[in-house]
Every structure is written in C-alpha cells, then in structure tokens.
Amino acid sequence: MDQNNAHIQGKGKRVVKFVLKPILWLLTLSFTFIFLLIFLLQFPEIQTYITGKVTHYLSDKTHSKVELKSVNISFPRSVEIQELYLEDQQKDTLLYVHNLKVELNLWDLLSKKIVLHHVELNTATAHIKRSLHDTAFNFDFILNALSKPKQEAAVKADTASTPLEFSLNTIALHSVYFTYHDAFTGNNADVSIGNFETEFETFDLAKKKIKIKTVALNKTNITFNQNESYAAPKLNTPGKPFDYTIALNSLELADINANYHNSV
C-alpha cells in the first residue's frame, strides 16, 4: 500500500513539473521581452523609428497631414512629445503643439489606473470650426477614421471590463491660443492664454468629486461673439442634472482682458 502511495506521489510530482516547466518558461520569456522592450525604448533611434511609424499610420488613416518630431519616453516616469502638427481637410492648421510633457507612472496602467501627476503644455494652437451649412466640425474626420464599426463597438461594449480609474494632480499651460468658430450656432470664441496653472486636491470622476486647490491665470485675452444661430431650436425637454461636486480654494487672476459681443 505504501509503495502504491509513493508511486502515485512520484507520478504526481512529475506531472506538476511537466506542467509548471513550460509555464515558467513562458513567464520568463514574457518578462524578458517586456524588459527588453523597455530598455530599447530608452534609445532615441528606437523612439524616432516608432514615431515615424505612428505618424505614417495616422496620416494614411485620416488622409491628412500629420507631423511629429519626436516622442521621448522616460520609463516609467514621463512621456514627452515635440512638434506635433495636424491639418484639417481644408489643409488649415487643426492642432499644433510645440511641447507636451506628461508625468505619470506607466506601471499604473497594469492596475487599470491613469494617474497624471503633472501635465505641462508649452506653446500650442488649436482651431475648431464648423461652416454654416455643415453639421460636422473640422476634427470629425479624425474621429470617423479612427472609430470602429458599430457592430464591433457593440460587441466590445457588451464584453467591456472595468473602466480605467483616472486622476489628475497639476496642469500648466503656457502660450496657448485656441479658437472656436461655429457659424452653424453663431458662437465664436478666441482665447489666448499666457499662463495657466492649477492644482487639484481631489479629482475623482467615478465619485463625481473635484476639489481644486489653486487656480492661477494671467496674461490672457478672451473674446466671445454670439451671432444668429441657424441650428434647429432645441425642445424644452429636461436634461440630465449636473451632479458633480466642484470646489475651489484659491483663485488668482492678473492681466485678464475679456470681451463679449452679441449681435442677435
């Protein structure tokens, strides 16, 4: 009886070893590949190669001009892009970014978390517009090109996993120019931001709670013009209530010019 038990135990150990050995090899190879990829991404030549591939893909997909000078990944602490340029279908500037740096912990993505410790944007221009007889904005072609078919999206939605947790700590904007010209609704805005800095004490979208510690804005010009709207009037149906809790502790404003004009 003891001999049979010993024989069964020995056979069981061999089966366990037979099963565990390839699993351990796969795990070892997987971690080796990940760390090798991380190591290679630290070289400018590799980053330049990947940048070229991504730029070429986006340009072909959207049938528009897409330029990106460089993407610098300092794993796992930060991601920085230099000289991003996007054109709309009329070959006008849609977006230009001189420098964008995001400080985060890329390992958090494995835990389905996106924690942006600091976002800094230096010298950027964005132009959003819509013509009088068009319901689409000048950036919609990008969303349409990159969006998935409705059937595939529906299947994905049914099998969707837990959404990512998102949080944000600080934002800094320097020399940012933004225009919004909507001839269809008659709303036009031009915003030129010299310096904008804000720090969040709490930024929890899941709980709908945002507590801002400080906001500092200076050297900023804002112009808003409201003209006749050609959009169909909205029905007086009740919308969803805005149930976010937003609090602000400190606000600093300096050298701000704001103009509003209504010609309706």
Protein backbone atom coordinates (compact mmCIF):
# COMPACT_ATOMS: atom_id res chain seq x y z
CA MET A 1 0.00 0.00 0.00
CA ASP A 2 2.84 2.35 0.93
CA GLN A 3 4.62 1.51 -2.30
CA ASN A 4 1.49 2.36 -4.32
CA ASN A 5 1.14 5.70 -2.50
CA ALA A 6 4.77 6.51 -3.12
CA HIS A 7 4.39 5.60 -6.77
CA ILE A 8 1.29 7.83 -7.13
CA GLN A 9 3.02 10.74 -5.34
CA GLY A 10 6.08 10.41 -7.54
CA LYS A 11 3.94 10.34 -10.65
CA GLY A 12 2.03 13.41 -9.42
CA LYS A 13 5.26 15.33 -8.90
CA ARG A 14 6.38 14.51 -12.42
CA VAL A 15 3.05 15.75 -13.82
CA VAL A 16 3.31 19.00 -11.83
CA LYS A 17 6.87 19.54 -13.05
CA PHE A 18 5.80 18.78 -16.61
CA VAL A 19 3.00 21.38 -16.41
CA LEU A 20 4.90 24.06 -14.47
CA LYS A 21 8.06 23.97 -16.57
CA PRO A 22 6.57 25.41 -19.82
CA ILE A 23 4.51 27.92 -17.79
CA LEU A 24 7.66 29.18 -16.04
CA TRP A 25 9.45 29.36 -19.38
CA LEU A 26 6.61 31.40 -20.88
CA LEU A 27 6.58 33.78 -17.91
CA THR A 28 10.35 34.17 -18.11
CA LEU A 29 10.24 34.88 -21.83
CA SER A 30 7.36 37.33 -21.38
CA PHE A 31 9.14 39.33 -18.68
CA THR A 32 12.37 39.23 -20.67
CA PHE A 33 10.57 40.61 -23.73
CA ILE A 34 8.89 43.36 -21.68
CA PHE A 35 12.12 44.49 -20.05
CA LEU A 36 13.94 44.31 -23.40
CA LEU A 37 11.24 46.49 -24.96
CA ILE A 38 11.50 48.97 -22.08
CA PHE A 39 15.29 49.02 -22.48
CA LEU A 40 15.08 49.62 -26.25
CA LEU A 41 12.56 52.43 -25.81
CA GLN A 42 15.19 54.45 -23.97
CA PHE A 43 17.21 54.86 -27.19
CA PRO A 44 16.38 57.94 -29.33
CA GLU A 45 16.81 55.92 -32.53
CA ILE A 46 14.10 53.45 -31.48
CA GLN A 47 11.78 56.24 -30.39
CA THR A 48 12.32 58.04 -33.71
CA TYR A 49 11.51 54.85 -35.62
CA ILE A 50 8.28 54.31 -33.65
CA THR A 51 7.34 57.99 -34.07
CA GLY A 52 7.71 57.68 -37.85
CA LYS A 53 5.54 54.56 -37.95
CA VAL A 54 2.78 56.15 -35.84
CA THR A 55 2.83 59.36 -37.89
CA HIS A 56 2.66 57.45 -41.17
CA TYR A 57 -0.25 55.32 -39.88
CA LEU A 58 -2.28 58.32 -38.71
CA SER A 59 -1.63 60.22 -41.92
CA ASP A 60 -2.78 57.28 -44.07
CA LYS A 61 -5.77 56.59 -41.85
CA THR A 62 -7.05 60.19 -41.79
CA HIS A 63 -5.86 61.21 -45.29
CA SER A 64 -4.42 64.39 -43.81
CA LYS A 65 -1.04 65.82 -42.92
CA VAL A 66 0.32 64.59 -39.61
CA GLU A 67 3.79 65.54 -38.38
CA LEU A 68 5.52 64.63 -35.14
CA LYS A 69 9.15 65.43 -34.48
CA SER A 70 9.77 63.15 -31.52
CA VAL A 71 8.30 61.15 -28.65
CA ASN A 72 10.51 60.75 -25.59
CA ILE A 73 9.56 58.04 -23.11
CA SER A 74 11.41 58.05 -19.79
CA PHE A 75 10.03 54.81 -18.45
CA PRO A 76 8.13 54.69 -16.22
CA ARG A 77 8.03 58.37 -15.18
CA SER A 78 7.11 60.55 -18.15
CA VAL A 79 6.11 60.88 -21.81
CA GLU A 80 7.05 63.95 -23.85
CA ILE A 81 6.17 64.91 -27.41
CA GLN A 82 7.77 67.60 -29.55
CA GLU A 83 6.38 69.47 -32.56
CA LEU A 84 3.03 67.84 -33.25
CA TYR A 85 1.14 69.22 -36.26
CA LEU A 86 -2.28 68.19 -37.61
CA GLU A 87 -4.10 69.58 -40.64
CA ASP A 88 -7.82 69.50 -41.33
CA GLN A 89 -9.31 68.50 -44.67
CA GLN A 90 -9.08 72.09 -45.94
CA LYS A 91 -5.32 71.96 -45.25
CA ASP A 92 -5.64 74.51 -42.47
CA THR A 93 -4.00 74.11 -39.07
CA LEU A 94 -6.13 72.00 -36.76
CA LEU A 95 -3.60 71.50 -33.97
CA TYR A 96 -0.02 72.48 -33.29
CA VAL A 97 1.87 71.54 -30.14
CA HIS A 98 5.43 72.67 -29.56
CA ASN A 99 5.97 70.67 -26.37
CA LEU A 100 3.74 68.49 -24.21
CA LYS A 101 5.08 66.66 -21.19
CA VAL A 102 3.07 64.28 -19.02
CA GLU A 103 4.47 62.92 -15.77
CA LEU A 104 2.88 59.66 -14.70
CA ASN A 105 3.66 56.14 -13.53
CA LEU A 106 3.26 53.86 -16.53
CA TRP A 107 3.17 50.81 -14.25
CA ASP A 108 -0.24 52.04 -13.02
CA LEU A 109 -1.71 51.04 -16.37
CA LEU A 110 -1.33 47.39 -15.34
CA SER A 111 -3.72 48.14 -12.46
CA LYS A 112 -6.13 49.93 -14.82
CA LYS A 113 -5.22 53.32 -13.42
CA ILE A 114 -4.15 56.53 -15.13
CA VAL A 115 -2.61 58.92 -12.62
CA LEU A 116 -1.34 62.12 -14.26
CA HIS A 117 0.95 63.75 -11.72
CA HIS A 118 1.73 66.74 -13.91
CA VAL A 119 0.68 67.89 -17.39
CA GLU A 120 2.58 70.77 -18.99
CA LEU A 121 1.81 72.28 -22.39
CA ASN A 122 4.14 74.87 -23.89
CA THR A 123 3.17 76.86 -26.99
CA ALA A 124 0.13 75.35 -28.68
CA THR A 125 -2.51 76.37 -31.20
CA ALA A 126 -5.88 74.74 -31.87
CA HIS A 127 -8.59 75.81 -34.32
CA ILE A 128 -12.06 74.26 -34.15
CA LYS A 129 -14.62 75.38 -36.68
CA ARG A 130 -17.86 74.47 -38.41
CA SER A 131 -19.30 76.04 -41.54
CA LEU A 132 -22.79 77.43 -41.90
CA HIS A 133 -24.28 74.52 -43.82
CA ASP A 134 -22.39 71.65 -42.20
CA THR A 135 -23.18 69.78 -39.01
CA ALA A 136 -19.66 68.33 -38.75
CA PHE A 137 -16.70 70.06 -37.15
CA ASN A 138 -13.30 70.19 -38.81
CA PHE A 139 -11.95 67.47 -36.49
CA ASP A 140 -14.77 64.95 -37.01
CA PHE A 141 -12.96 63.28 -39.91
CA ILE A 142 -10.29 62.07 -37.45
CA LEU A 143 -12.87 60.52 -35.13
CA ASN A 144 -14.61 58.86 -38.07
CA ALA A 145 -11.35 57.47 -39.43
CA LEU A 146 -10.22 56.03 -36.11
CA SER A 147 -13.60 54.83 -34.84
CA LYS A 148 -14.53 51.14 -35.02
CA PRO A 149 -17.58 49.78 -36.86
CA LYS A 150 -20.82 49.99 -34.87
CA GLN A 151 -21.29 46.21 -34.73
CA GLU A 152 -17.77 45.66 -33.42
CA ALA A 153 -18.15 48.50 -30.93
CA ALA A 154 -21.43 46.99 -29.68
CA VAL A 155 -19.78 43.60 -29.13
CA LYS A 156 -16.90 45.27 -27.28
CA ALA A 157 -19.34 47.21 -25.13
CA ASP A 158 -21.13 44.01 -24.10
CA THR A 159 -17.86 42.39 -23.05
CA ALA A 160 -16.29 45.52 -21.61
CA SER A 161 -14.21 45.15 -18.47
CA THR A 162 -13.85 47.50 -15.54
CA PRO A 163 -13.13 51.04 -16.78
CA LEU A 164 -9.85 52.78 -16.08
CA GLU A 165 -9.53 54.90 -12.97
CA PHE A 166 -8.40 58.42 -13.85
CA SER A 167 -6.90 61.10 -11.62
CA LEU A 168 -5.08 64.38 -12.19
CA ASN A 169 -2.83 66.43 -9.92
CA THR A 170 -1.45 69.54 -11.64
CA ILE A 171 -1.77 71.30 -15.02
CA ALA A 172 0.37 74.07 -16.50
CA LEU A 173 -0.36 75.85 -19.80
CA HIS A 174 1.95 78.44 -21.35
CA SER A 175 1.34 80.40 -24.57
CA VAL A 176 -1.77 78.59 -25.75
CA TYR A 177 -4.04 80.00 -28.46
CA PHE A 178 -7.45 78.47 -29.10
CA THR A 179 -10.26 79.44 -31.48
CA TYR A 180 -13.79 78.10 -31.73
CA HIS A 181 -15.78 79.39 -34.72
CA ASP A 182 -19.18 77.78 -35.20
CA ALA A 183 -21.14 79.52 -37.94
CA PHE A 184 -23.95 77.00 -37.58
CA THR A 185 -24.82 78.02 -34.00
CA GLY A 186 -23.38 81.52 -34.24
CA ASN A 187 -20.92 81.05 -31.37
CA ASN A 188 -17.35 82.27 -31.84
CA ALA A 189 -14.59 82.37 -29.24
CA ASP A 190 -10.93 83.34 -29.33
CA VAL A 191 -8.81 82.55 -26.28
CA SER A 192 -5.17 83.45 -25.81
CA ILE A 193 -3.66 82.10 -22.57
CA GLY A 194 -0.35 83.43 -21.35
CA ASN A 195 -0.01 81.30 -18.21
CA PHE A 196 -2.45 78.95 -16.51
CA GLU A 197 -1.63 76.73 -13.55
CA THR A 198 -3.91 74.64 -11.39
CA GLU A 199 -3.53 72.02 -8.68
CA PHE A 200 -6.21 69.51 -7.73
CA GLU A 201 -6.70 68.28 -4.22
CA THR A 202 -9.28 65.73 -5.36
CA PHE A 203 -10.03 64.59 -8.91
CA ASP A 204 -12.37 61.62 -8.78
CA LEU A 205 -14.60 61.23 -11.83
CA ALA A 206 -16.09 57.97 -10.57
CA LYS A 207 -17.43 59.69 -7.45
CA LYS A 208 -18.04 62.95 -9.37
CA LYS A 209 -15.96 64.97 -6.93
CA ILE A 210 -13.46 67.61 -7.99
CA LYS A 211 -11.74 69.82 -5.44
CA ILE A 212 -9.35 72.42 -6.84
CA LYS A 213 -6.64 73.69 -4.53
CA THR A 214 -5.40 76.62 -6.62
CA VAL A 215 -6.02 78.27 -9.99
CA ALA A 216 -3.68 80.96 -11.33
CA LEU A 217 -4.35 82.69 -14.66
CA ASN A 218 -2.54 85.69 -16.14
CA LYS A 219 -1.75 87.43 -19.43
CA THR A 220 -4.93 86.12 -21.01
CA ASN A 221 -7.33 87.54 -23.63
CA ILE A 222 -10.82 86.14 -24.18
CA THR A 223 -13.23 87.27 -26.90
CA PHE A 224 -16.69 85.79 -27.35
CA ASN A 225 -19.07 86.80 -30.17
CA GLN A 226 -22.60 85.49 -30.41
CA ASN A 227 -24.33 85.80 -33.79
CA GLU A 228 -27.54 84.50 -35.32
CA SER A 229 -27.97 80.74 -34.97
CA TYR A 230 -29.05 78.54 -37.89
CA ALA A 231 -29.40 75.44 -35.75
CA ALA A 232 -32.87 74.00 -35.14
CA PRO A 233 -34.29 75.22 -31.82
CA LYS A 234 -33.98 72.69 -29.02
CA LEU A 235 -37.10 71.29 -27.44
CA ASN A 236 -37.70 72.22 -23.83
CA THR A 237 -37.08 68.74 -22.54
CA PRO A 238 -35.39 68.27 -19.17
CA GLY A 239 -31.78 67.22 -19.44
CA LYS A 240 -29.64 65.23 -17.09
CA PRO A 241 -28.77 67.08 -13.89
CA PHE A 242 -25.20 68.19 -13.35
CA ASP A 243 -24.42 66.19 -10.23
CA TYR A 244 -20.68 66.83 -9.91
CA THR A 245 -19.38 68.41 -6.72
CA ILE A 246 -16.79 71.07 -7.58
CA ALA A 247 -14.96 73.18 -5.02
CA LEU A 248 -12.28 75.86 -5.42
CA ASN A 249 -10.00 77.04 -2.62
CA SER A 250 -7.87 79.76 -4.23
CA LEU A 251 -8.19 81.84 -7.42
CA GLU A 252 -5.53 84.25 -8.70
CA LEU A 253 -6.20 86.44 -11.75
CA ALA A 254 -3.89 89.04 -13.27
CA ASP A 255 -3.82 90.93 -16.58
CA ILE A 256 -7.06 89.45 -17.93
CA ASN A 257 -8.99 91.00 -20.83
CA ALA A 258 -12.45 89.65 -21.66
CA ASN A 259 -14.87 90.91 -24.33
CA TYR A 260 -18.41 89.77 -25.13
CA HIS A 261 -20.47 90.86 -28.14
CA ASN A 262 -24.00 89.79 -29.05
CA SER A 263 -25.40 90.72 -32.45
CA VAL A 264 -28.54 88.57 -32.31
